[in-house]
Amino acid sequence: MVLVAADVIGAPCWLSLAARDREAAERFYGTVLGWSFRQGRFGRAFSVAEIGGVPVAGIGAVAGEFAVPVAWTPYFAVDDADGAVGRARERGGTVGVGPVSFPAGGAALVADREGAVFGVWDGEVLAEWGVGAERSPAWLELHTADAFEAALFYGEVLGWGRGENDRGCDTSYEEDQVVLRHRGRPVARLNSGPIEQAAPKPQLRPRWLVHFRVPDLDAAVALALENGGSTVTGQDWGGGTTDPARGGGRQMTLRDPDGGLFTLDHAPGPAHEPGAD
């Protein structure tokens, strides 16, 4: 059975890295996260990362060509990309790219009212990735000025809270945070925090941050540093939220060698060992 976006409305369904050098990004993330890679559908500039044969993310050497920062972008499942783009515009969002049609579906890149960038996708979904938090190698965290206002925006654009037959996503409110759940399992968290739209440091701007789970945080961080990455700590990072699907735990935010931000979370269990491939 092929799963499509309409089956998992509002859930995170894919991650994509805009990189400068695809092969260099593959070497770094392959070493740190134990990923293997295969050719993507969209040409030689694109590849798909896999864990145990399961696709988990895409890498595209597009940052230089399109003059965009090196960054991870999460994609959310919608029933119609054109409709989601229209709803985003009506609510003060900005459309950067698309909607663009592909053989497997339609996609668009959007910035929310605060400038955080995300994607929408209305086609075939790789079910093993985001829809089951226990199996997913990643979860998402939004840093924004007001998590409650952001939840209203995303809820209206992505259809949160309108799940039918257990297909959609719902939110719950916990102090200054909003937790997004799919089928009762947390897949993302929205945080109110100390952010600035024009902050000189990208980690202090409104943004979606991707967290990758690793079984040995110290080993993964060491591999990242040995291979050109750097840590983001102290007052440079206003986060500190722990993985909602794992009940909390140690984590470290880093930059890859080209400056792309991501966080590693200690999550002992079935996660692939870093440096194994």
Protein backbone atom coordinates (compact mmCIF):
# COMPACT_ATOMS: atom_id res chain seq x y z
CA MET A 1 0.00 0.00 0.00
CA VAL A 2 1.36 3.40 -1.02
CA LEU A 3 0.91 6.09 1.63
CA VAL A 4 0.11 9.58 0.34
CA ALA A 5 0.10 12.94 2.04
CA ALA A 6 -3.69 12.96 2.36
CA ASP A 7 -3.35 9.95 4.69
CA VAL A 8 -1.17 11.88 7.18
CA ILE A 9 -2.41 15.47 6.94
CA GLY A 10 -0.20 17.99 8.73
CA ALA A 11 2.49 15.51 9.78
CA PRO A 12 6.17 16.08 9.01
CA CYS A 13 6.95 13.81 6.07
CA TRP A 14 10.43 14.69 4.79
CA LEU A 15 13.66 16.62 5.41
CA SER A 16 15.81 18.30 2.80
CA LEU A 17 19.26 19.86 3.13
CA ALA A 18 20.21 22.69 0.78
CA ALA A 19 23.96 22.10 0.51
CA ARG A 20 26.82 23.65 -1.43
CA ASP A 21 28.70 20.43 -2.09
CA ARG A 22 26.57 17.28 -2.15
CA GLU A 23 29.46 14.83 -1.86
CA ALA A 24 31.00 16.74 1.06
CA ALA A 25 27.64 16.82 2.85
CA GLU A 26 27.24 13.08 2.26
CA ARG A 27 30.65 12.38 3.78
CA PHE A 28 29.87 14.46 6.87
CA TYR A 29 26.37 13.17 7.61
CA GLY A 30 27.27 9.64 6.59
CA THR A 31 30.08 9.63 9.13
CA VAL A 32 28.16 11.32 11.94
CA LEU A 33 24.75 9.65 11.49
CA GLY A 34 25.64 6.39 9.76
CA TRP A 35 23.66 7.21 6.64
CA SER A 36 24.17 5.63 3.24
CA PHE A 37 23.18 7.41 0.02
CA ARG A 38 21.65 6.70 -3.36
CA GLN A 39 20.87 8.82 -6.40
CA GLY A 40 17.77 11.00 -6.04
CA ARG A 41 14.99 11.42 -8.61
CA PHE A 42 15.85 14.99 -9.56
CA GLY A 43 19.30 14.70 -11.12
CA ARG A 44 22.94 14.37 -10.13
CA ALA A 45 22.79 17.30 -7.71
CA PHE A 46 20.39 15.36 -5.45
CA SER A 47 20.76 12.28 -3.28
CA VAL A 48 18.62 10.38 -0.78
CA ALA A 49 19.97 9.37 2.62
CA GLU A 50 18.95 6.00 4.02
CA ILE A 51 19.21 4.07 7.27
CA GLY A 52 18.95 0.32 6.82
CA GLY A 53 17.45 0.85 3.37
CA VAL A 54 14.77 3.26 4.65
CA PRO A 55 14.88 6.79 3.11
CA VAL A 56 15.16 9.50 5.79
CA ALA A 57 16.30 12.74 4.11
CA GLY A 58 17.33 14.40 0.88
CA ILE A 59 20.44 16.41 0.06
CA GLY A 60 20.58 18.82 -2.86
CA ALA A 61 23.56 20.89 -4.00
CA VAL A 62 21.40 23.98 -4.56
CA ALA A 63 22.59 26.53 -1.97
CA GLY A 64 25.15 28.10 -4.29
CA GLU A 65 23.00 28.02 -7.42
CA PHE A 66 20.01 29.67 -5.74
CA ALA A 67 22.04 31.88 -3.35
CA VAL A 68 20.31 30.48 -0.25
CA PRO A 69 21.84 29.56 3.11
CA VAL A 70 22.88 26.00 3.83
CA ALA A 71 19.96 24.77 5.94
CA TRP A 72 17.68 21.86 6.74
CA THR A 73 14.04 22.30 5.72
CA PRO A 74 11.17 20.15 7.03
CA TYR A 75 8.25 19.25 4.77
CA PHE A 76 4.70 18.71 5.99
CA ALA A 77 2.03 16.57 4.34
CA VAL A 78 -0.97 18.39 2.86
CA ASP A 79 -3.82 17.22 0.67
CA ASP A 80 -3.21 19.98 -1.89
CA ALA A 81 -0.04 22.09 -2.16
CA ASP A 82 -1.80 24.87 -4.08
CA GLY A 83 -4.45 25.16 -1.38
CA ALA A 84 -1.85 25.20 1.41
CA VAL A 85 0.12 27.93 -0.37
CA GLY A 86 -3.04 30.00 -0.74
CA ARG A 87 -3.86 29.63 2.95
CA ALA A 88 -0.31 30.63 3.90
CA ARG A 89 -0.48 33.80 1.78
CA GLU A 90 -3.86 34.74 3.23
CA ARG A 91 -2.41 34.48 6.75
CA GLY A 92 0.72 36.55 6.16
CA GLY A 93 3.16 33.88 5.02
CA THR A 94 5.54 34.28 2.09
CA VAL A 95 5.93 31.76 -0.72
CA GLY A 96 9.51 31.29 -1.84
CA VAL A 97 9.19 28.49 -4.40
CA GLY A 98 6.24 26.78 -6.03
CA PRO A 99 4.01 25.03 -5.98
CA VAL A 100 6.08 22.87 -8.32
CA SER A 101 4.72 19.63 -9.79
CA PHE A 102 6.80 16.44 -9.81
CA PRO A 103 5.86 12.93 -10.97
CA ALA A 104 5.34 11.86 -7.35
CA GLY A 105 3.50 14.98 -6.14
CA GLY A 106 3.60 18.74 -5.64
CA ALA A 107 5.81 20.85 -3.38
CA ALA A 108 6.32 24.42 -2.26
CA LEU A 109 8.64 26.33 0.06
CA VAL A 110 6.99 28.82 2.41
CA ALA A 111 8.09 31.19 5.18
CA ASP A 112 5.70 31.74 8.08
CA ARG A 113 4.83 35.19 9.43
CA GLU A 114 8.05 35.28 11.47
CA GLY A 115 10.28 34.07 8.63
CA ALA A 116 10.74 30.39 9.56
CA VAL A 117 10.98 28.33 6.36
CA PHE A 118 9.13 25.06 5.80
CA GLY A 119 7.88 23.00 2.88
CA VAL A 120 4.57 21.42 1.94
CA TRP A 121 4.13 18.19 -0.03
CA ASP A 122 1.01 16.61 -1.46
CA GLY A 123 2.28 13.40 -3.05
CA GLU A 124 3.64 9.98 -2.15
CA VAL A 125 4.97 9.77 1.42
CA LEU A 126 7.74 7.53 2.73
CA ALA A 127 5.77 6.09 5.64
CA GLU A 128 8.76 4.85 7.62
CA TRP A 129 10.00 8.38 8.24
CA GLY A 130 7.96 10.89 10.20
CA VAL A 131 4.57 9.39 10.93
CA GLY A 132 5.71 7.08 13.74
CA ALA A 133 7.84 8.89 16.30
CA GLU A 134 9.33 5.71 17.74
CA ARG A 135 10.67 4.69 14.32
CA SER A 136 11.62 8.12 13.08
CA PRO A 137 15.29 9.14 13.22
CA ALA A 138 14.25 12.76 13.70
CA TRP A 139 11.84 15.19 15.26
CA LEU A 140 11.28 18.91 14.72
CA GLU A 141 11.38 22.04 16.86
CA LEU A 142 10.16 25.51 15.88
CA HIS A 143 11.80 28.51 17.54
CA THR A 144 9.45 31.46 17.21
CA ALA A 145 8.34 34.59 19.05
CA ASP A 146 4.96 33.20 20.13
CA ALA A 147 4.29 29.45 19.95
CA PHE A 148 0.54 29.92 20.36
CA GLU A 149 0.28 32.37 17.45
CA ALA A 150 2.48 30.09 15.36
CA ALA A 151 0.27 27.09 16.16
CA LEU A 152 -2.75 29.00 14.84
CA PHE A 153 -0.90 29.83 11.61
CA TYR A 154 0.35 26.30 11.01
CA GLY A 155 -2.91 24.75 12.12
CA GLU A 156 -4.85 26.72 9.52
CA VAL A 157 -2.27 26.20 6.76
CA LEU A 158 -1.51 22.51 7.38
CA GLY A 159 -4.84 21.31 8.72
CA TRP A 160 -3.79 20.49 12.26
CA GLY A 161 -6.74 19.43 14.37
CA ARG A 162 -8.90 18.37 11.47
CA GLY A 163 -7.75 14.76 11.32
CA GLU A 164 -10.30 12.27 10.05
CA ASN A 165 -10.06 8.53 10.63
CA ASP A 166 -6.87 9.05 12.65
CA ARG A 167 -5.08 10.55 9.64
CA GLY A 168 -4.24 14.03 10.90
CA CYS A 169 -2.36 15.87 13.62
CA ASP A 170 -3.47 17.50 16.84
CA THR A 171 -1.80 19.95 19.21
CA SER A 172 -1.63 20.28 22.96
CA TYR A 173 -0.53 23.30 24.98
CA GLU A 174 2.08 22.94 27.72
CA GLU A 175 3.17 26.15 29.45
CA ASP A 176 4.91 28.22 26.72
CA GLN A 177 5.12 25.34 24.26
CA VAL A 178 2.88 23.59 21.76
CA VAL A 179 3.34 19.88 21.07
CA LEU A 180 2.28 18.45 17.70
CA ARG A 181 1.13 14.83 17.78
CA HIS A 182 0.33 12.39 15.02
CA ARG A 183 -1.77 9.42 16.11
CA GLY A 184 -1.03 10.38 19.69
CA ARG A 185 2.75 10.41 19.27
CA PRO A 186 4.73 13.67 19.50
CA VAL A 187 6.51 14.60 16.27
CA ALA A 188 7.28 18.30 16.75
CA ARG A 189 7.35 21.06 19.35
CA LEU A 190 6.79 24.81 18.95
CA ASN A 191 8.72 27.01 21.39
CA SER A 192 8.33 30.64 22.35
CA GLY A 193 11.83 31.96 22.83
CA PRO A 194 14.39 34.74 22.53
CA ILE A 195 14.48 35.15 18.76
CA GLU A 196 15.02 38.09 16.42
CA GLN A 197 14.03 38.22 12.75
CA ALA A 198 17.18 40.17 11.82
CA ALA A 199 19.58 38.54 14.30
CA PRO A 200 23.15 38.34 12.93
CA LYS A 201 23.43 34.72 14.08
CA PRO A 202 21.06 32.39 12.20
CA GLN A 203 20.35 30.23 15.25
CA LEU A 204 18.69 33.22 16.94
CA ARG A 205 16.24 33.83 14.09
CA PRO A 206 12.80 32.20 13.85
CA ARG A 207 13.44 28.77 12.36
CA TRP A 208 12.61 25.11 12.26
CA LEU A 209 15.40 23.05 13.78
CA VAL A 210 15.78 19.36 13.01
CA HIS A 211 16.84 16.94 15.75
CA PHE A 212 18.52 13.65 14.83
CA ARG A 213 18.50 10.79 17.32
CA VAL A 214 21.76 8.95 17.96
CA PRO A 215 22.49 6.07 20.37
CA ASP A 216 25.75 7.63 21.62
CA LEU A 217 25.69 11.42 21.76
CA ASP A 218 29.32 11.86 22.83
CA ALA A 219 30.59 9.67 19.99
CA ALA A 220 28.43 11.43 17.40
CA VAL A 221 29.50 14.90 18.56
CA ALA A 222 33.15 13.84 18.50
CA LEU A 223 32.76 12.58 14.93
CA ALA A 224 31.09 15.84 13.91
CA LEU A 225 33.94 17.91 15.35
CA GLU A 226 36.59 15.66 13.80
CA ASN A 227 34.96 16.13 10.41
CA GLY A 228 34.69 19.90 10.35
CA GLY A 229 31.53 20.55 12.37
CA SER A 230 31.26 22.90 15.34
CA THR A 231 29.06 23.18 18.42
CA VAL A 232 26.54 25.93 19.19
CA THR A 233 26.30 26.45 22.93
CA GLY A 234 25.70 28.94 25.72
CA GLN A 235 24.02 32.25 24.99
CA ASP A 236 24.34 31.65 21.25
CA TRP A 237 21.50 29.14 21.47
CA GLY A 238 18.19 29.86 23.15
CA GLY A 239 16.81 26.33 22.96
CA GLY A 240 17.34 23.50 25.39
CA THR A 241 14.07 21.66 24.71
CA THR A 242 14.46 17.91 24.93
CA ASP A 243 12.99 15.28 22.66
CA PRO A 244 9.25 15.04 23.46
CA ALA A 245 9.04 11.52 22.06
CA ARG A 246 11.73 10.21 24.39
CA GLY A 247 10.84 11.90 27.65
CA GLY A 248 13.79 14.26 27.60
CA GLY A 249 17.51 13.63 27.39
CA ARG A 250 20.90 15.07 26.53
CA GLN A 251 21.37 16.95 23.29
CA MET A 252 23.84 19.16 21.43
CA THR A 253 23.23 21.70 18.67
CA LEU A 254 25.89 21.85 15.96
CA ARG A 255 26.77 23.36 12.61
CA ASP A 256 27.92 21.18 9.76
CA PRO A 257 31.08 22.31 7.89
CA ASP A 258 29.01 24.63 5.66
CA GLY A 259 27.08 26.16 8.58
CA GLY A 260 23.87 24.12 8.45
CA LEU A 261 22.29 23.89 11.92
CA PHE A 262 21.05 20.63 13.43
CA THR A 263 20.75 19.03 16.86
CA LEU A 264 21.82 15.58 18.03
CA ASP A 265 19.74 13.90 20.75
CA HIS A 266 20.88 10.97 22.86
CA ALA A 267 18.32 8.25 22.23
CA PRO A 268 19.56 4.76 23.07
CA GLY A 269 17.76 2.06 21.15
CA PRO A 270 17.46 1.08 17.49
CA ALA A 271 19.06 4.21 16.04
CA HIS A 272 21.92 3.52 13.63
CA GLU A 273 25.39 3.75 15.12
CA PRO A 274 27.28 6.84 13.90
CA GLY A 275 30.33 6.10 11.82
CA ALA A 276 29.19 2.53 11.13
CA ASP A 277 29.24 2.79 7.34
